[in-house]
Structure formats: C-alpha cells, structure tokens
C-alpha cells in the first residue's frame, strides 16, 4: 500500500470519528434546547456532514497530495513513524 492510500485511510477514520461525535453532540444539544426530533436530526446530520467534509476532503486530499510528491511533514495524517534505536540512558 502506498503512502497516499495510508493517508486517505487515516483521514477517513479521523473524519468518521469526528463526524459521529459532532453529529451526536449537535443532535443532543438541539433536543435539549427544545427542538423536535426532526430538527435535532437535521442539526446532527448537518454538523456531521460539515466535519466529514472538512476533515476528509480538506485534510485527506491535501496530505495525500503531499505524500504523492514526497513532501511529507511530521504533522501529516498517516505519516509513518521511524523508530531510532538509541542506547538506554547511561547511569
């Protein structure tokens, strides 16, 4: 699997988790403020869609493009971590 696919997978998982949490939170807040079920569902779905769009399309697209060009930065989604074998702390 190439690095750009790893970036999309990582961005997708982050986007789904954030969309779920955001959608449930917005829906629950709408219900708590006196909205009916339909309005709460609309609020929850709207918030989830916005989070999904920004996180997946924005971050996933941007970082996967950088992965294709080899311009991977330490904060990028899906960046593989290189472990450096260093000796234990000397007494």
PDB file of N, CA and C in Angstrom:
ATOM      1  N   UNK A   1       0.852  -1.180   0.000  1.00  0.00           N
ATOM      2  CA  UNK A   1       0.000   0.000   0.000  1.00  0.00           C
ATOM      3  C   UNK A   1       0.891   1.235   0.000  1.00  0.00           C
ATOM      4  N   UNK A   2       0.643   2.133  -0.936  1.00  0.00           N
ATOM      5  CA  UNK A   2       1.481   3.330  -0.992  1.00  0.00           C
ATOM      6  C   UNK A   2       1.062   4.330   0.081  1.00  0.00           C
ATOM      7  N   UNK A   3       1.901   5.319   0.278  1.00  0.00           N
ATOM      8  CA  UNK A   3       1.715   6.281   1.360  1.00  0.00           C
ATOM      9  C   UNK A   3       0.442   7.113   1.191  1.00  0.00           C
ATOM     10  N   UNK A   4       0.037   7.416  -0.053  1.00  0.00           N
ATOM     11  CA  UNK A   4      -1.161   8.231  -0.250  1.00  0.00           C
ATOM     12  C   UNK A   4      -2.416   7.471   0.177  1.00  0.00           C
ATOM     13  N   UNK A   5      -2.448   6.148  -0.017  1.00  0.00           N
ATOM     14  CA  UNK A   5      -3.581   5.354   0.460  1.00  0.00           C
ATOM     15  C   UNK A   5      -3.625   5.317   1.979  1.00  0.00           C
ATOM     16  N   UNK A   6      -2.478   5.227   2.614  1.00  0.00           N
ATOM     17  CA  UNK A   6      -2.429   5.262   4.078  1.00  0.00           C
ATOM     18  C   UNK A   6      -2.947   6.590   4.596  1.00  0.00           C
ATOM     19  N   UNK A   7      -2.638   7.646   3.901  1.00  0.00           N
ATOM     20  CA  UNK A   7      -3.115   8.970   4.296  1.00  0.00           C
ATOM     21  C   UNK A   7      -4.633   9.033   4.201  1.00  0.00           C
ATOM     22  N   UNK A   8      -5.195   8.520   3.105  1.00  0.00           N
ATOM     23  CA  UNK A   8      -6.653   8.533   2.950  1.00  0.00           C
ATOM     24  C   UNK A   8      -7.330   7.680   4.018  1.00  0.00           C
ATOM     25  N   UNK A   9      -6.765   6.532   4.333  1.00  0.00           N
ATOM     26  CA  UNK A   9      -7.359   5.666   5.355  1.00  0.00           C
ATOM     27  C   UNK A   9      -7.345   6.346   6.720  1.00  0.00           C
ATOM     28  N   UNK A  10      -6.215   6.920   7.080  1.00  0.00           N
ATOM     29  CA  UNK A  10      -6.116   7.618   8.365  1.00  0.00           C
ATOM     30  C   UNK A  10      -7.055   8.815   8.416  1.00  0.00           C
ATOM     31  N   UNK A  11      -7.119   9.585   7.342  1.00  0.00           N
ATOM     32  CA  UNK A  11      -8.016  10.743   7.306  1.00  0.00           C
ATOM     33  C   UNK A  11      -9.478  10.304   7.364  1.00  0.00           C
ATOM     34  N   UNK A  12      -9.807   9.195   6.717  1.00  0.00           N
ATOM     35  CA  UNK A  12     -11.181   8.686   6.743  1.00  0.00           C
ATOM     36  C   UNK A  12     -11.601   8.271   8.145  1.00  0.00           C
ATOM     37  N   UNK A  13     -10.712   7.563   8.833  1.00  0.00           N
ATOM     38  CA  UNK A  13     -11.043   7.141  10.195  1.00  0.00           C
ATOM     39  C   UNK A  13     -11.207   8.343  11.119  1.00  0.00           C
ATOM     40  N   UNK A  14     -10.316   9.290  11.031  1.00  0.00           N
ATOM     41  CA  UNK A  14     -10.448  10.503  11.846  1.00  0.00           C
ATOM     42  C   UNK A  14     -11.727  11.243  11.514  1.00  0.00           C
ATOM     43  N   UNK A  15     -12.031  11.354  10.233  1.00  0.00           N
ATOM     44  CA  UNK A  15     -13.231  12.078   9.810  1.00  0.00           C
ATOM     45  C   UNK A  15     -14.495  11.401  10.315  1.00  0.00           C
ATOM     46  N   UNK A  16     -14.547  10.080  10.238  1.00  0.00           N
ATOM     47  CA  UNK A  16     -15.733   9.361  10.704  1.00  0.00           C
ATOM     48  C   UNK A  16     -15.936   9.511  12.205  1.00  0.00           C
ATOM     49  N   UNK A  17     -14.875   9.411  12.964  1.00  0.00           N
ATOM     50  CA  UNK A  17     -14.992   9.557  14.427  1.00  0.00           C
ATOM     51  C   UNK A  17     -15.442  10.968  14.788  1.00  0.00           C
ATOM     52  N   UNK A  18     -14.819  11.959  14.184  1.00  0.00           N
ATOM     53  CA  UNK A  18     -15.180  13.348  14.484  1.00  0.00           C
ATOM     54  C   UNK A  18     -16.603  13.653  14.027  1.00  0.00           C
ATOM     55  N   UNK A  19     -17.006  13.145  12.864  1.00  0.00           N
ATOM     56  CA  UNK A  19     -18.362  13.367  12.369  1.00  0.00           C
ATOM     57  C   UNK A  19     -19.387  12.732  13.299  1.00  0.00           C
ATOM     58  N   UNK A  20     -19.102  11.533  13.771  1.00  0.00           N
ATOM     59  CA  UNK A  20     -20.023  10.855  14.681  1.00  0.00           C
ATOM     60  C   UNK A  20     -20.178  11.628  15.987  1.00  0.00           C
ATOM     61  N   UNK A  21     -19.076  12.009  16.581  1.00  0.00           N
ATOM     62  CA  UNK A  21     -19.121  12.744  17.850  1.00  0.00           C
ATOM     63  C   UNK A  21     -19.801  14.102  17.671  1.00  0.00           C
ATOM     64  N   UNK A  22     -19.451  14.805  16.609  1.00  0.00           N
ATOM     65  CA  UNK A  22     -20.035  16.123  16.354  1.00  0.00           C
ATOM     66  C   UNK A  22     -21.530  16.023  16.070  1.00  0.00           C
ATOM     67  N   UNK A  23     -21.920  15.060  15.263  1.00  0.00           N
ATOM     68  CA  UNK A  23     -23.337  14.887  14.934  1.00  0.00           C
ATOM     69  C   UNK A  23     -24.186  14.538  16.135  1.00  0.00           C
ATOM     70  N   UNK A  24     -23.700  13.609  16.951  1.00  0.00           N
ATOM     71  CA  UNK A  24     -24.448  13.226  18.157  1.00  0.00           C
ATOM     72  C   UNK A  24     -24.526  14.397  19.133  1.00  0.00           C
ATOM     73  N   UNK A  25     -23.435  15.113  19.275  1.00  0.00           N
ATOM     74  CA  UNK A  25     -23.428  16.264  20.183  1.00  0.00           C
ATOM     75  C   UNK A  25     -24.407  17.345  19.723  1.00  0.00           C
ATOM     76  N   UNK A  26     -24.402  17.646  18.444  1.00  0.00           N
ATOM     77  CA  UNK A  26     -25.299  18.679  17.923  1.00  0.00           C
ATOM     78  C   UNK A  26     -26.759  18.250  18.029  1.00  0.00           C
ATOM     79  N   UNK A  27     -27.022  17.005  17.715  1.00  0.00           N
ATOM     80  CA  UNK A  27     -28.391  16.494  17.829  1.00  0.00           C
ATOM     81  C   UNK A  27     -28.890  16.499  19.257  1.00  0.00           C
ATOM     82  N   UNK A  28     -28.044  16.080  20.176  1.00  0.00           N
ATOM     83  CA  UNK A  28     -28.411  16.067  21.596  1.00  0.00           C
ATOM     84  C   UNK A  28     -28.625  17.482  22.118  1.00  0.00           C
ATOM     85  N   UNK A  29     -27.774  18.402  21.709  1.00  0.00           N
ATOM     86  CA  UNK A  29     -27.935  19.801  22.126  1.00  0.00           C
ATOM     87  C   UNK A  29     -29.230  20.383  21.583  1.00  0.00           C
ATOM     88  N   UNK A  30     -29.570  20.038  20.347  1.00  0.00           N
ATOM     89  CA  UNK A  30     -30.824  20.531  19.772  1.00  0.00           C
ATOM     90  C   UNK A  30     -32.027  19.979  20.527  1.00  0.00           C
ATOM     91  N   UNK A  31     -31.991  18.707  20.873  1.00  0.00           N
ATOM     92  CA  UNK A  31     -33.087  18.125  21.654  1.00  0.00           C
ATOM     93  C   UNK A  31     -33.189  18.765  23.033  1.00  0.00           C
ATOM     94  N   UNK A  32     -32.053  18.991  23.655  1.00  0.00           N
ATOM     95  CA  UNK A  32     -32.041  19.576  24.998  1.00  0.00           C
ATOM     96  C   UNK A  32     -32.558  21.012  24.999  1.00  0.00           C
ATOM     97  N   UNK A  33     -32.411  21.696  23.866  1.00  0.00           N
ATOM     98  CA  UNK A  33     -32.870  23.087  23.802  1.00  0.00           C
ATOM     99  C   UNK A  33     -34.334  23.200  23.388  1.00  0.00           C
ATOM    100  N   UNK A  34     -35.011  22.075  23.246  1.00  0.00           N
ATOM    101  CA  UNK A  34     -36.445  22.105  22.982  1.00  0.00           C
ATOM    102  C   UNK A  34     -36.844  21.863  21.544  1.00  0.00           C
ATOM    103  N   UNK A  35     -35.919  21.507  20.690  1.00  0.00           N
ATOM    104  CA  UNK A  35     -36.251  21.224  19.291  1.00  0.00           C
ATOM    105  C   UNK A  35     -36.967  19.879  19.198  1.00  0.00           C
ATOM    106  N   UNK A  36     -37.766  19.722  18.135  1.00  0.00           N
ATOM    107  CA  UNK A  36     -38.395  18.418  17.945  1.00  0.00           C
ATOM    108  C   UNK A  36     -37.389  17.445  17.321  1.00  0.00           C
ATOM    109  N   UNK A  37     -37.781  16.196  17.167  1.00  0.00           N
ATOM    110  CA  UNK A  37     -36.865  15.163  16.665  1.00  0.00           C
ATOM    111  C   UNK A  37     -36.332  15.484  15.272  1.00  0.00           C
ATOM    112  N   UNK A  38     -37.198  15.976  14.391  1.00  0.00           N
ATOM    113  CA  UNK A  38     -36.787  16.277  13.017  1.00  0.00           C
ATOM    114  C   UNK A  38     -35.705  17.356  13.005  1.00  0.00           C
ATOM    115  N   UNK A  39     -35.895  18.404  13.766  1.00  0.00           N
ATOM    116  CA  UNK A  39     -34.910  19.481  13.816  1.00  0.00           C
ATOM    117  C   UNK A  39     -33.587  18.994  14.418  1.00  0.00           C
ATOM    118  N   UNK A  40     -33.672  18.133  15.426  1.00  0.00           N
ATOM    119  CA  UNK A  40     -32.459  17.605  16.046  1.00  0.00           C
ATOM    120  C   UNK A  40     -31.683  16.727  15.073  1.00  0.00           C
ATOM    121  N   UNK A  41     -32.402  15.935  14.293  1.00  0.00           N
ATOM    122  CA  UNK A  41     -31.740  15.079  13.301  1.00  0.00           C
ATOM    123  C   UNK A  41     -31.077  15.933  12.226  1.00  0.00           C
ATOM    124  N   UNK A  42     -31.769  16.962  11.781  1.00  0.00           N
ATOM    125  CA  UNK A  42     -31.191  17.858  10.764  1.00  0.00           C
ATOM    126  C   UNK A  42     -29.934  18.529  11.311  1.00  0.00           C
ATOM    127  N   UNK A  43     -29.981  18.989  12.552  1.00  0.00           N
ATOM    128  CA  UNK A  43     -28.809  19.626  13.168  1.00  0.00           C
ATOM    129  C   UNK A  43     -27.649  18.641  13.269  1.00  0.00           C
ATOM    130  N   UNK A  44     -27.939  17.420  13.697  1.00  0.00           N
ATOM    131  CA  UNK A  44     -26.899  16.404  13.839  1.00  0.00           C
ATOM    132  C   UNK A  44     -26.275  16.008  12.517  1.00  0.00           C
ATOM    133  N   UNK A  45     -27.099  15.806  11.503  1.00  0.00           N
ATOM    134  CA  UNK A  45     -26.593  15.409  10.184  1.00  0.00           C
ATOM    135  C   UNK A  45     -25.802  16.550   9.548  1.00  0.00           C
ATOM    136  N   UNK A  46     -26.281  17.774   9.718  1.00  0.00           N
ATOM    137  CA  UNK A  46     -25.562  18.925   9.163  1.00  0.00           C
ATOM    138  C   UNK A  46     -24.178  19.073   9.794  1.00  0.00           C
ATOM    139  N   UNK A  47     -24.119  18.945  11.105  1.00  0.00           N
ATOM    140  CA  UNK A  47     -22.833  19.063  11.800  1.00  0.00           C
ATOM    141  C   UNK A  47     -21.898  17.921  11.411  1.00  0.00           C
ATOM    142  N   UNK A  48     -22.422  16.715  11.298  1.00  0.00           N
ATOM    143  CA  UNK A  48     -21.599  15.566  10.912  1.00  0.00           C
ATOM    144  C   UNK A  48     -21.077  15.719   9.487  1.00  0.00           C
ATOM    145  N   UNK A  49     -21.935  16.192   8.584  1.00  0.00           N
ATOM    146  CA  UNK A  49     -21.518  16.369   7.190  1.00  0.00           C
ATOM    147  C   UNK A  49     -20.425  17.424   7.076  1.00  0.00           C
ATOM    148  N   UNK A  50     -20.556  18.492   7.830  1.00  0.00           N
ATOM    149  CA  UNK A  50     -19.532  19.544   7.788  1.00  0.00           C
ATOM    150  C   UNK A  50     -18.193  19.022   8.301  1.00  0.00           C
ATOM    151  N   UNK A  51     -18.222  18.293   9.405  1.00  0.00           N
ATOM    152  CA  UNK A  51     -16.983  17.739   9.955  1.00  0.00           C
ATOM    153  C   UNK A  51     -16.362  16.731   8.991  1.00  0.00           C
ATOM    154  N   UNK A  52     -17.187  15.910   8.386  1.00  0.00           N
ATOM    155  CA  UNK A  52     -16.705  14.909   7.433  1.00  0.00           C
ATOM    156  C   UNK A  52     -16.082  15.585   6.211  1.00  0.00           C
ATOM    157  N   UNK A  53     -16.743  16.598   5.703  1.00  0.00           N
ATOM    158  CA  UNK A  53     -16.240  17.295   4.523  1.00  0.00           C
ATOM    159  C   UNK A  53     -14.899  17.969   4.786  1.00  0.00           C
ATOM    160  N   UNK A  54     -14.804  18.683   5.876  1.00  0.00           N
ATOM    161  CA  UNK A  54     -13.569  19.408   6.180  1.00  0.00           C
ATOM    162  C   UNK A  54     -12.423  18.446   6.463  1.00  0.00           C
ATOM    163  N   UNK A  55     -12.685  17.460   7.297  1.00  0.00           N
ATOM    164  CA  UNK A  55     -11.615  16.565   7.716  1.00  0.00           C
ATOM    165  C   UNK A  55     -11.171  15.638   6.597  1.00  0.00           C
ATOM    166  N   UNK A  56     -12.120  15.053   5.897  1.00  0.00           N
ATOM    167  CA  UNK A  56     -11.762  14.072   4.868  1.00  0.00           C
ATOM    168  C   UNK A  56     -11.297  14.744   3.580  1.00  0.00           C
ATOM    169  N   UNK A  57     -12.111  15.630   3.053  1.00  0.00           N
ATOM    170  CA  UNK A  57     -11.759  16.258   1.779  1.00  0.00           C
ATOM    171  C   UNK A  57     -10.599  17.229   1.946  1.00  0.00           C
ATOM    172  N   UNK A  58     -10.652  18.025   2.982  1.00  0.00           N
ATOM    173  CA  UNK A  58      -9.601  19.012   3.192  1.00  0.00           C
ATOM    174  C   UNK A  58      -8.286  18.399   3.582  1.00  0.00           C
ATOM    175  N   UNK A  59      -8.278  17.773   4.723  1.00  0.00           N
ATOM    176  CA  UNK A  59      -7.021  17.220   5.232  1.00  0.00           C
ATOM    177  C   UNK A  59      -6.556  16.005   4.437  1.00  0.00           C
ATOM    178  N   UNK A  60      -7.463  15.088   4.146  1.00  0.00           N
ATOM    179  CA  UNK A  60      -7.081  13.884   3.402  1.00  0.00           C
ATOM    180  C   UNK A  60      -6.567  14.199   2.009  1.00  0.00           C
ATOM    181  N   UNK A  61      -7.260  15.093   1.322  1.00  0.00           N
ATOM    182  CA  UNK A  61      -6.837  15.468  -0.020  1.00  0.00           C
ATOM    183  C   UNK A  61      -5.512  16.206  -0.030  1.00  0.00           C
ATOM    184  N   UNK A  62      -5.373  17.135   0.888  1.00  0.00           N
ATOM    185  CA  UNK A  62      -4.139  17.931   0.956  1.00  0.00           C
ATOM    186  C   UNK A  62      -2.936  17.058   1.321  1.00  0.00           C
ATOM    187  N   UNK A  63      -3.082  16.250   2.372  1.00  0.00           N
ATOM    188  CA  UNK A  63      -1.955  15.431   2.817  1.00  0.00           C
ATOM    189  C   UNK A  63      -1.624  14.311   1.834  1.00  0.00           C
ATOM    190  N   UNK A  64      -2.633  13.719   1.171  1.00  0.00           N
ATOM    191  CA  UNK A  64      -2.323  12.661   0.213  1.00  0.00           C
ATOM    192  C   UNK A  64      -1.609  13.233  -1.006  1.00  0.00           C
ATOM    193  N   UNK A  65      -1.950  14.456  -1.389  1.00  0.00           N
ATOM    194  CA  UNK A  65      -1.236  15.099  -2.489  1.00  0.00           C
ATOM    195  C   UNK A  65       0.220  15.335  -2.107  1.00  0.00           C
ATOM    196  N   UNK A  66       0.450  15.762  -0.867  1.00  0.00           N
ATOM    197  CA  UNK A  66       1.830  15.956  -0.416  1.00  0.00           C
ATOM    198  C   UNK A  66       2.570  14.626  -0.337  1.00  0.00           C
ATOM    199  N   UNK A  67       1.868  13.550   0.022  1.00  0.00           N
ATOM    200  CA  UNK A  67       2.517  12.240   0.081  1.00  0.00           C
ATOM    201  C   UNK A  67       2.939  11.781  -1.314  1.00  0.00           C
ATOM    202  N   UNK A  68       2.131  12.089  -2.318  1.00  0.00           N
ATOM    203  CA  UNK A  68       2.470  11.708  -3.696  1.00  0.00           C
ATOM    204  C   UNK A  68       3.719  12.429  -4.186  1.00  0.00           C
ATOM    205  N   UNK A  69       3.901  13.663  -3.742  1.00  0.00           N
ATOM    206  CA  UNK A  69       5.055  14.438  -4.188  1.00  0.00           C
ATOM    207  C   UNK A  69       6.267  14.259  -3.284  1.00  0.00           C
ATOM    208  N   UNK A  70       6.112  13.498  -2.198  1.00  0.00           N
ATOM    209  CA  UNK A  70       7.230  13.248  -1.297  1.00  0.00           C
ATOM    210  C   UNK A  70       7.455  14.348  -0.278  1.00  0.00           C
ATOM    211  N   UNK A  71       6.516  15.251  -0.129  1.00  0.00           N
ATOM    212  CA  UNK A  71       6.640  16.370   0.799  1.00  0.00           C
ATOM    213  C   UNK A  71       5.879  16.074   2.090  1.00  0.00           C
ATOM    214  N   UNK A  72       6.254  15.005   2.776  1.00  0.00           N
ATOM    215  CA  UNK A  72       5.573  14.590   3.999  1.00  0.00           C
ATOM    216  C   UNK A  72       6.203  15.308   5.190  1.00  0.00           C
ATOM    217  N   UNK A  73       5.348  15.898   6.010  1.00  0.00           N
ATOM    218  CA  UNK A  73       5.792  16.653   7.181  1.00  0.00           C
ATOM    219  C   UNK A  73       5.460  15.874   8.447  1.00  0.00           C
ATOM    220  N   UNK A  74       6.106  16.173   9.573  1.00  0.00           N
ATOM    221  CA  UNK A  74       5.863  15.430  10.818  1.00  0.00           C
ATOM    222  C   UNK A  74       4.405  15.431  11.289  1.00  0.00           C
ATOM    223  N   UNK A  75       3.623  16.471  10.993  1.00  0.00           N
ATOM    224  CA  UNK A  75       2.244  16.540  11.465  1.00  0.00           C
ATOM    225  C   UNK A  75       1.216  15.964  10.513  1.00  0.00           C
ATOM    226  N   UNK A  76       1.635  15.385   9.401  1.00  0.00           N
ATOM    227  CA  UNK A  76       0.696  14.882   8.408  1.00  0.00           C
ATOM    228  C   UNK A  76      -0.008  13.617   8.890  1.00  0.00           C
ATOM    229  N   UNK A  77      -1.250  13.459   8.431  1.00  0.00           N
ATOM    230  CA  UNK A  77      -2.027  12.262   8.742  1.00  0.00           C
ATOM    231  C   UNK A  77      -1.404  11.072   8.032  1.00  0.00           C
ATOM    232  N   UNK A  78      -1.286   9.958   8.730  1.00  0.00           N
ATOM    233  CA  UNK A  78      -0.791   8.741   8.106  1.00  0.00           C
ATOM    234  C   UNK A  78       0.701   8.683   7.938  1.00  0.00           C
ATOM    235  N   UNK A  79       1.404   9.631   8.509  1.00  0.00           N
ATOM    236  CA  UNK A  79       2.865   9.635   8.394  1.00  0.00           C
ATOM    237  C   UNK A  79       3.402   8.461   9.188  1.00  0.00           C
ATOM    238  N   UNK A  80       4.246   7.671   8.586  1.00  0.00           N
ATOM    239  CA  UNK A  80       4.830   6.550   9.302  1.00  0.00           C
ATOM    240  C   UNK A  80       5.896   7.069  10.265  1.00  0.00           C
ATOM    241  N   UNK A  81       5.985   6.422  11.381  1.00  0.00           N
ATOM    242  CA  UNK A  81       6.931   6.836  12.412  1.00  0.00           C
ATOM    243  C   UNK A  81       8.185   5.982  12.296  1.00  0.00           C
ATOM    244  N   UNK A  82       9.316   6.617  12.244  1.00  0.00           N
ATOM    245  CA  UNK A  82      10.582   5.911  12.175  1.00  0.00           C
ATOM    246  C   UNK A  82      11.143   5.792  13.583  1.00  0.00           C
ATOM    247  N   UNK A  83      11.406   4.569  13.988  1.00  0.00           N
ATOM    248  CA  UNK A  83      11.950   4.330  15.318  1.00  0.00           C
ATOM    249  C   UNK A  83      13.466   4.311  15.223  1.00  0.00           C
ATOM    250  N   UNK A  84      14.082   5.104  16.049  1.00  0.00           N
ATOM    251  CA  UNK A  84      15.535   5.179  16.075  1.00  0.00           C
ATOM    252  C   UNK A  84      16.013   4.380  17.273  1.00  0.00           C
ATOM    253  N   UNK A  85      16.892   3.439  17.033  1.00  0.00           N
ATOM    254  CA  UNK A  85      17.423   2.638  18.130  1.00  0.00           C
ATOM    255  C   UNK A  85      18.528   3.414  18.841  1.00  0.00           C
ATOM    256  N   UNK A  86      18.204   3.917  19.990  1.00  0.00           N
ATOM    257  CA  UNK A  86      19.175   4.647  20.782  1.00  0.00           C
ATOM    258  C   UNK A  86      19.475   3.835  22.033  1.00  0.00           C
ATOM    259  N   UNK A  87      20.689   3.924  22.500  1.00  0.00           N
ATOM    260  CA  UNK A  87      21.022   3.166  23.710  1.00  0.00           C
ATOM    261  C   UNK A  87      20.263   3.737  24.910  1.00  0.00           C
ATOM    262  N   UNK A  88      20.072   2.890  25.882  1.00  0.00           N
ATOM    263  CA  UNK A  88      19.393   3.312  27.100  1.00  0.00           C
ATOM    264  C   UNK A  88      20.213   4.394  27.798  1.00  0.00           C
ATOM    265  N   UNK A  89      19.579   5.118  28.663  1.00  0.00           N
ATOM    266  CA  UNK A  89      20.262   6.199  29.379  1.00  0.00           C
ATOM    267  C   UNK A  89      21.395   5.605  30.212  1.00  0.00           C
ATOM    268  N   UNK A  90      22.560   6.202  30.085  1.00  0.00           N
ATOM    269  CA  UNK A  90      23.702   5.703  30.814  1.00  0.00           C
ATOM    270  C   UNK A  90      23.649   6.169  32.277  1.00  0.00           C
ATOM    271  N   UNK A  91      24.041   5.284  33.199  1.00  0.00           N
ATOM    272  CA  UNK A  91      23.991   5.666  34.617  1.00  0.00           C
ATOM    273  C   UNK A  91      25.022   6.723  34.984  1.00  0.00           C
TER     274      UNK A  91
END
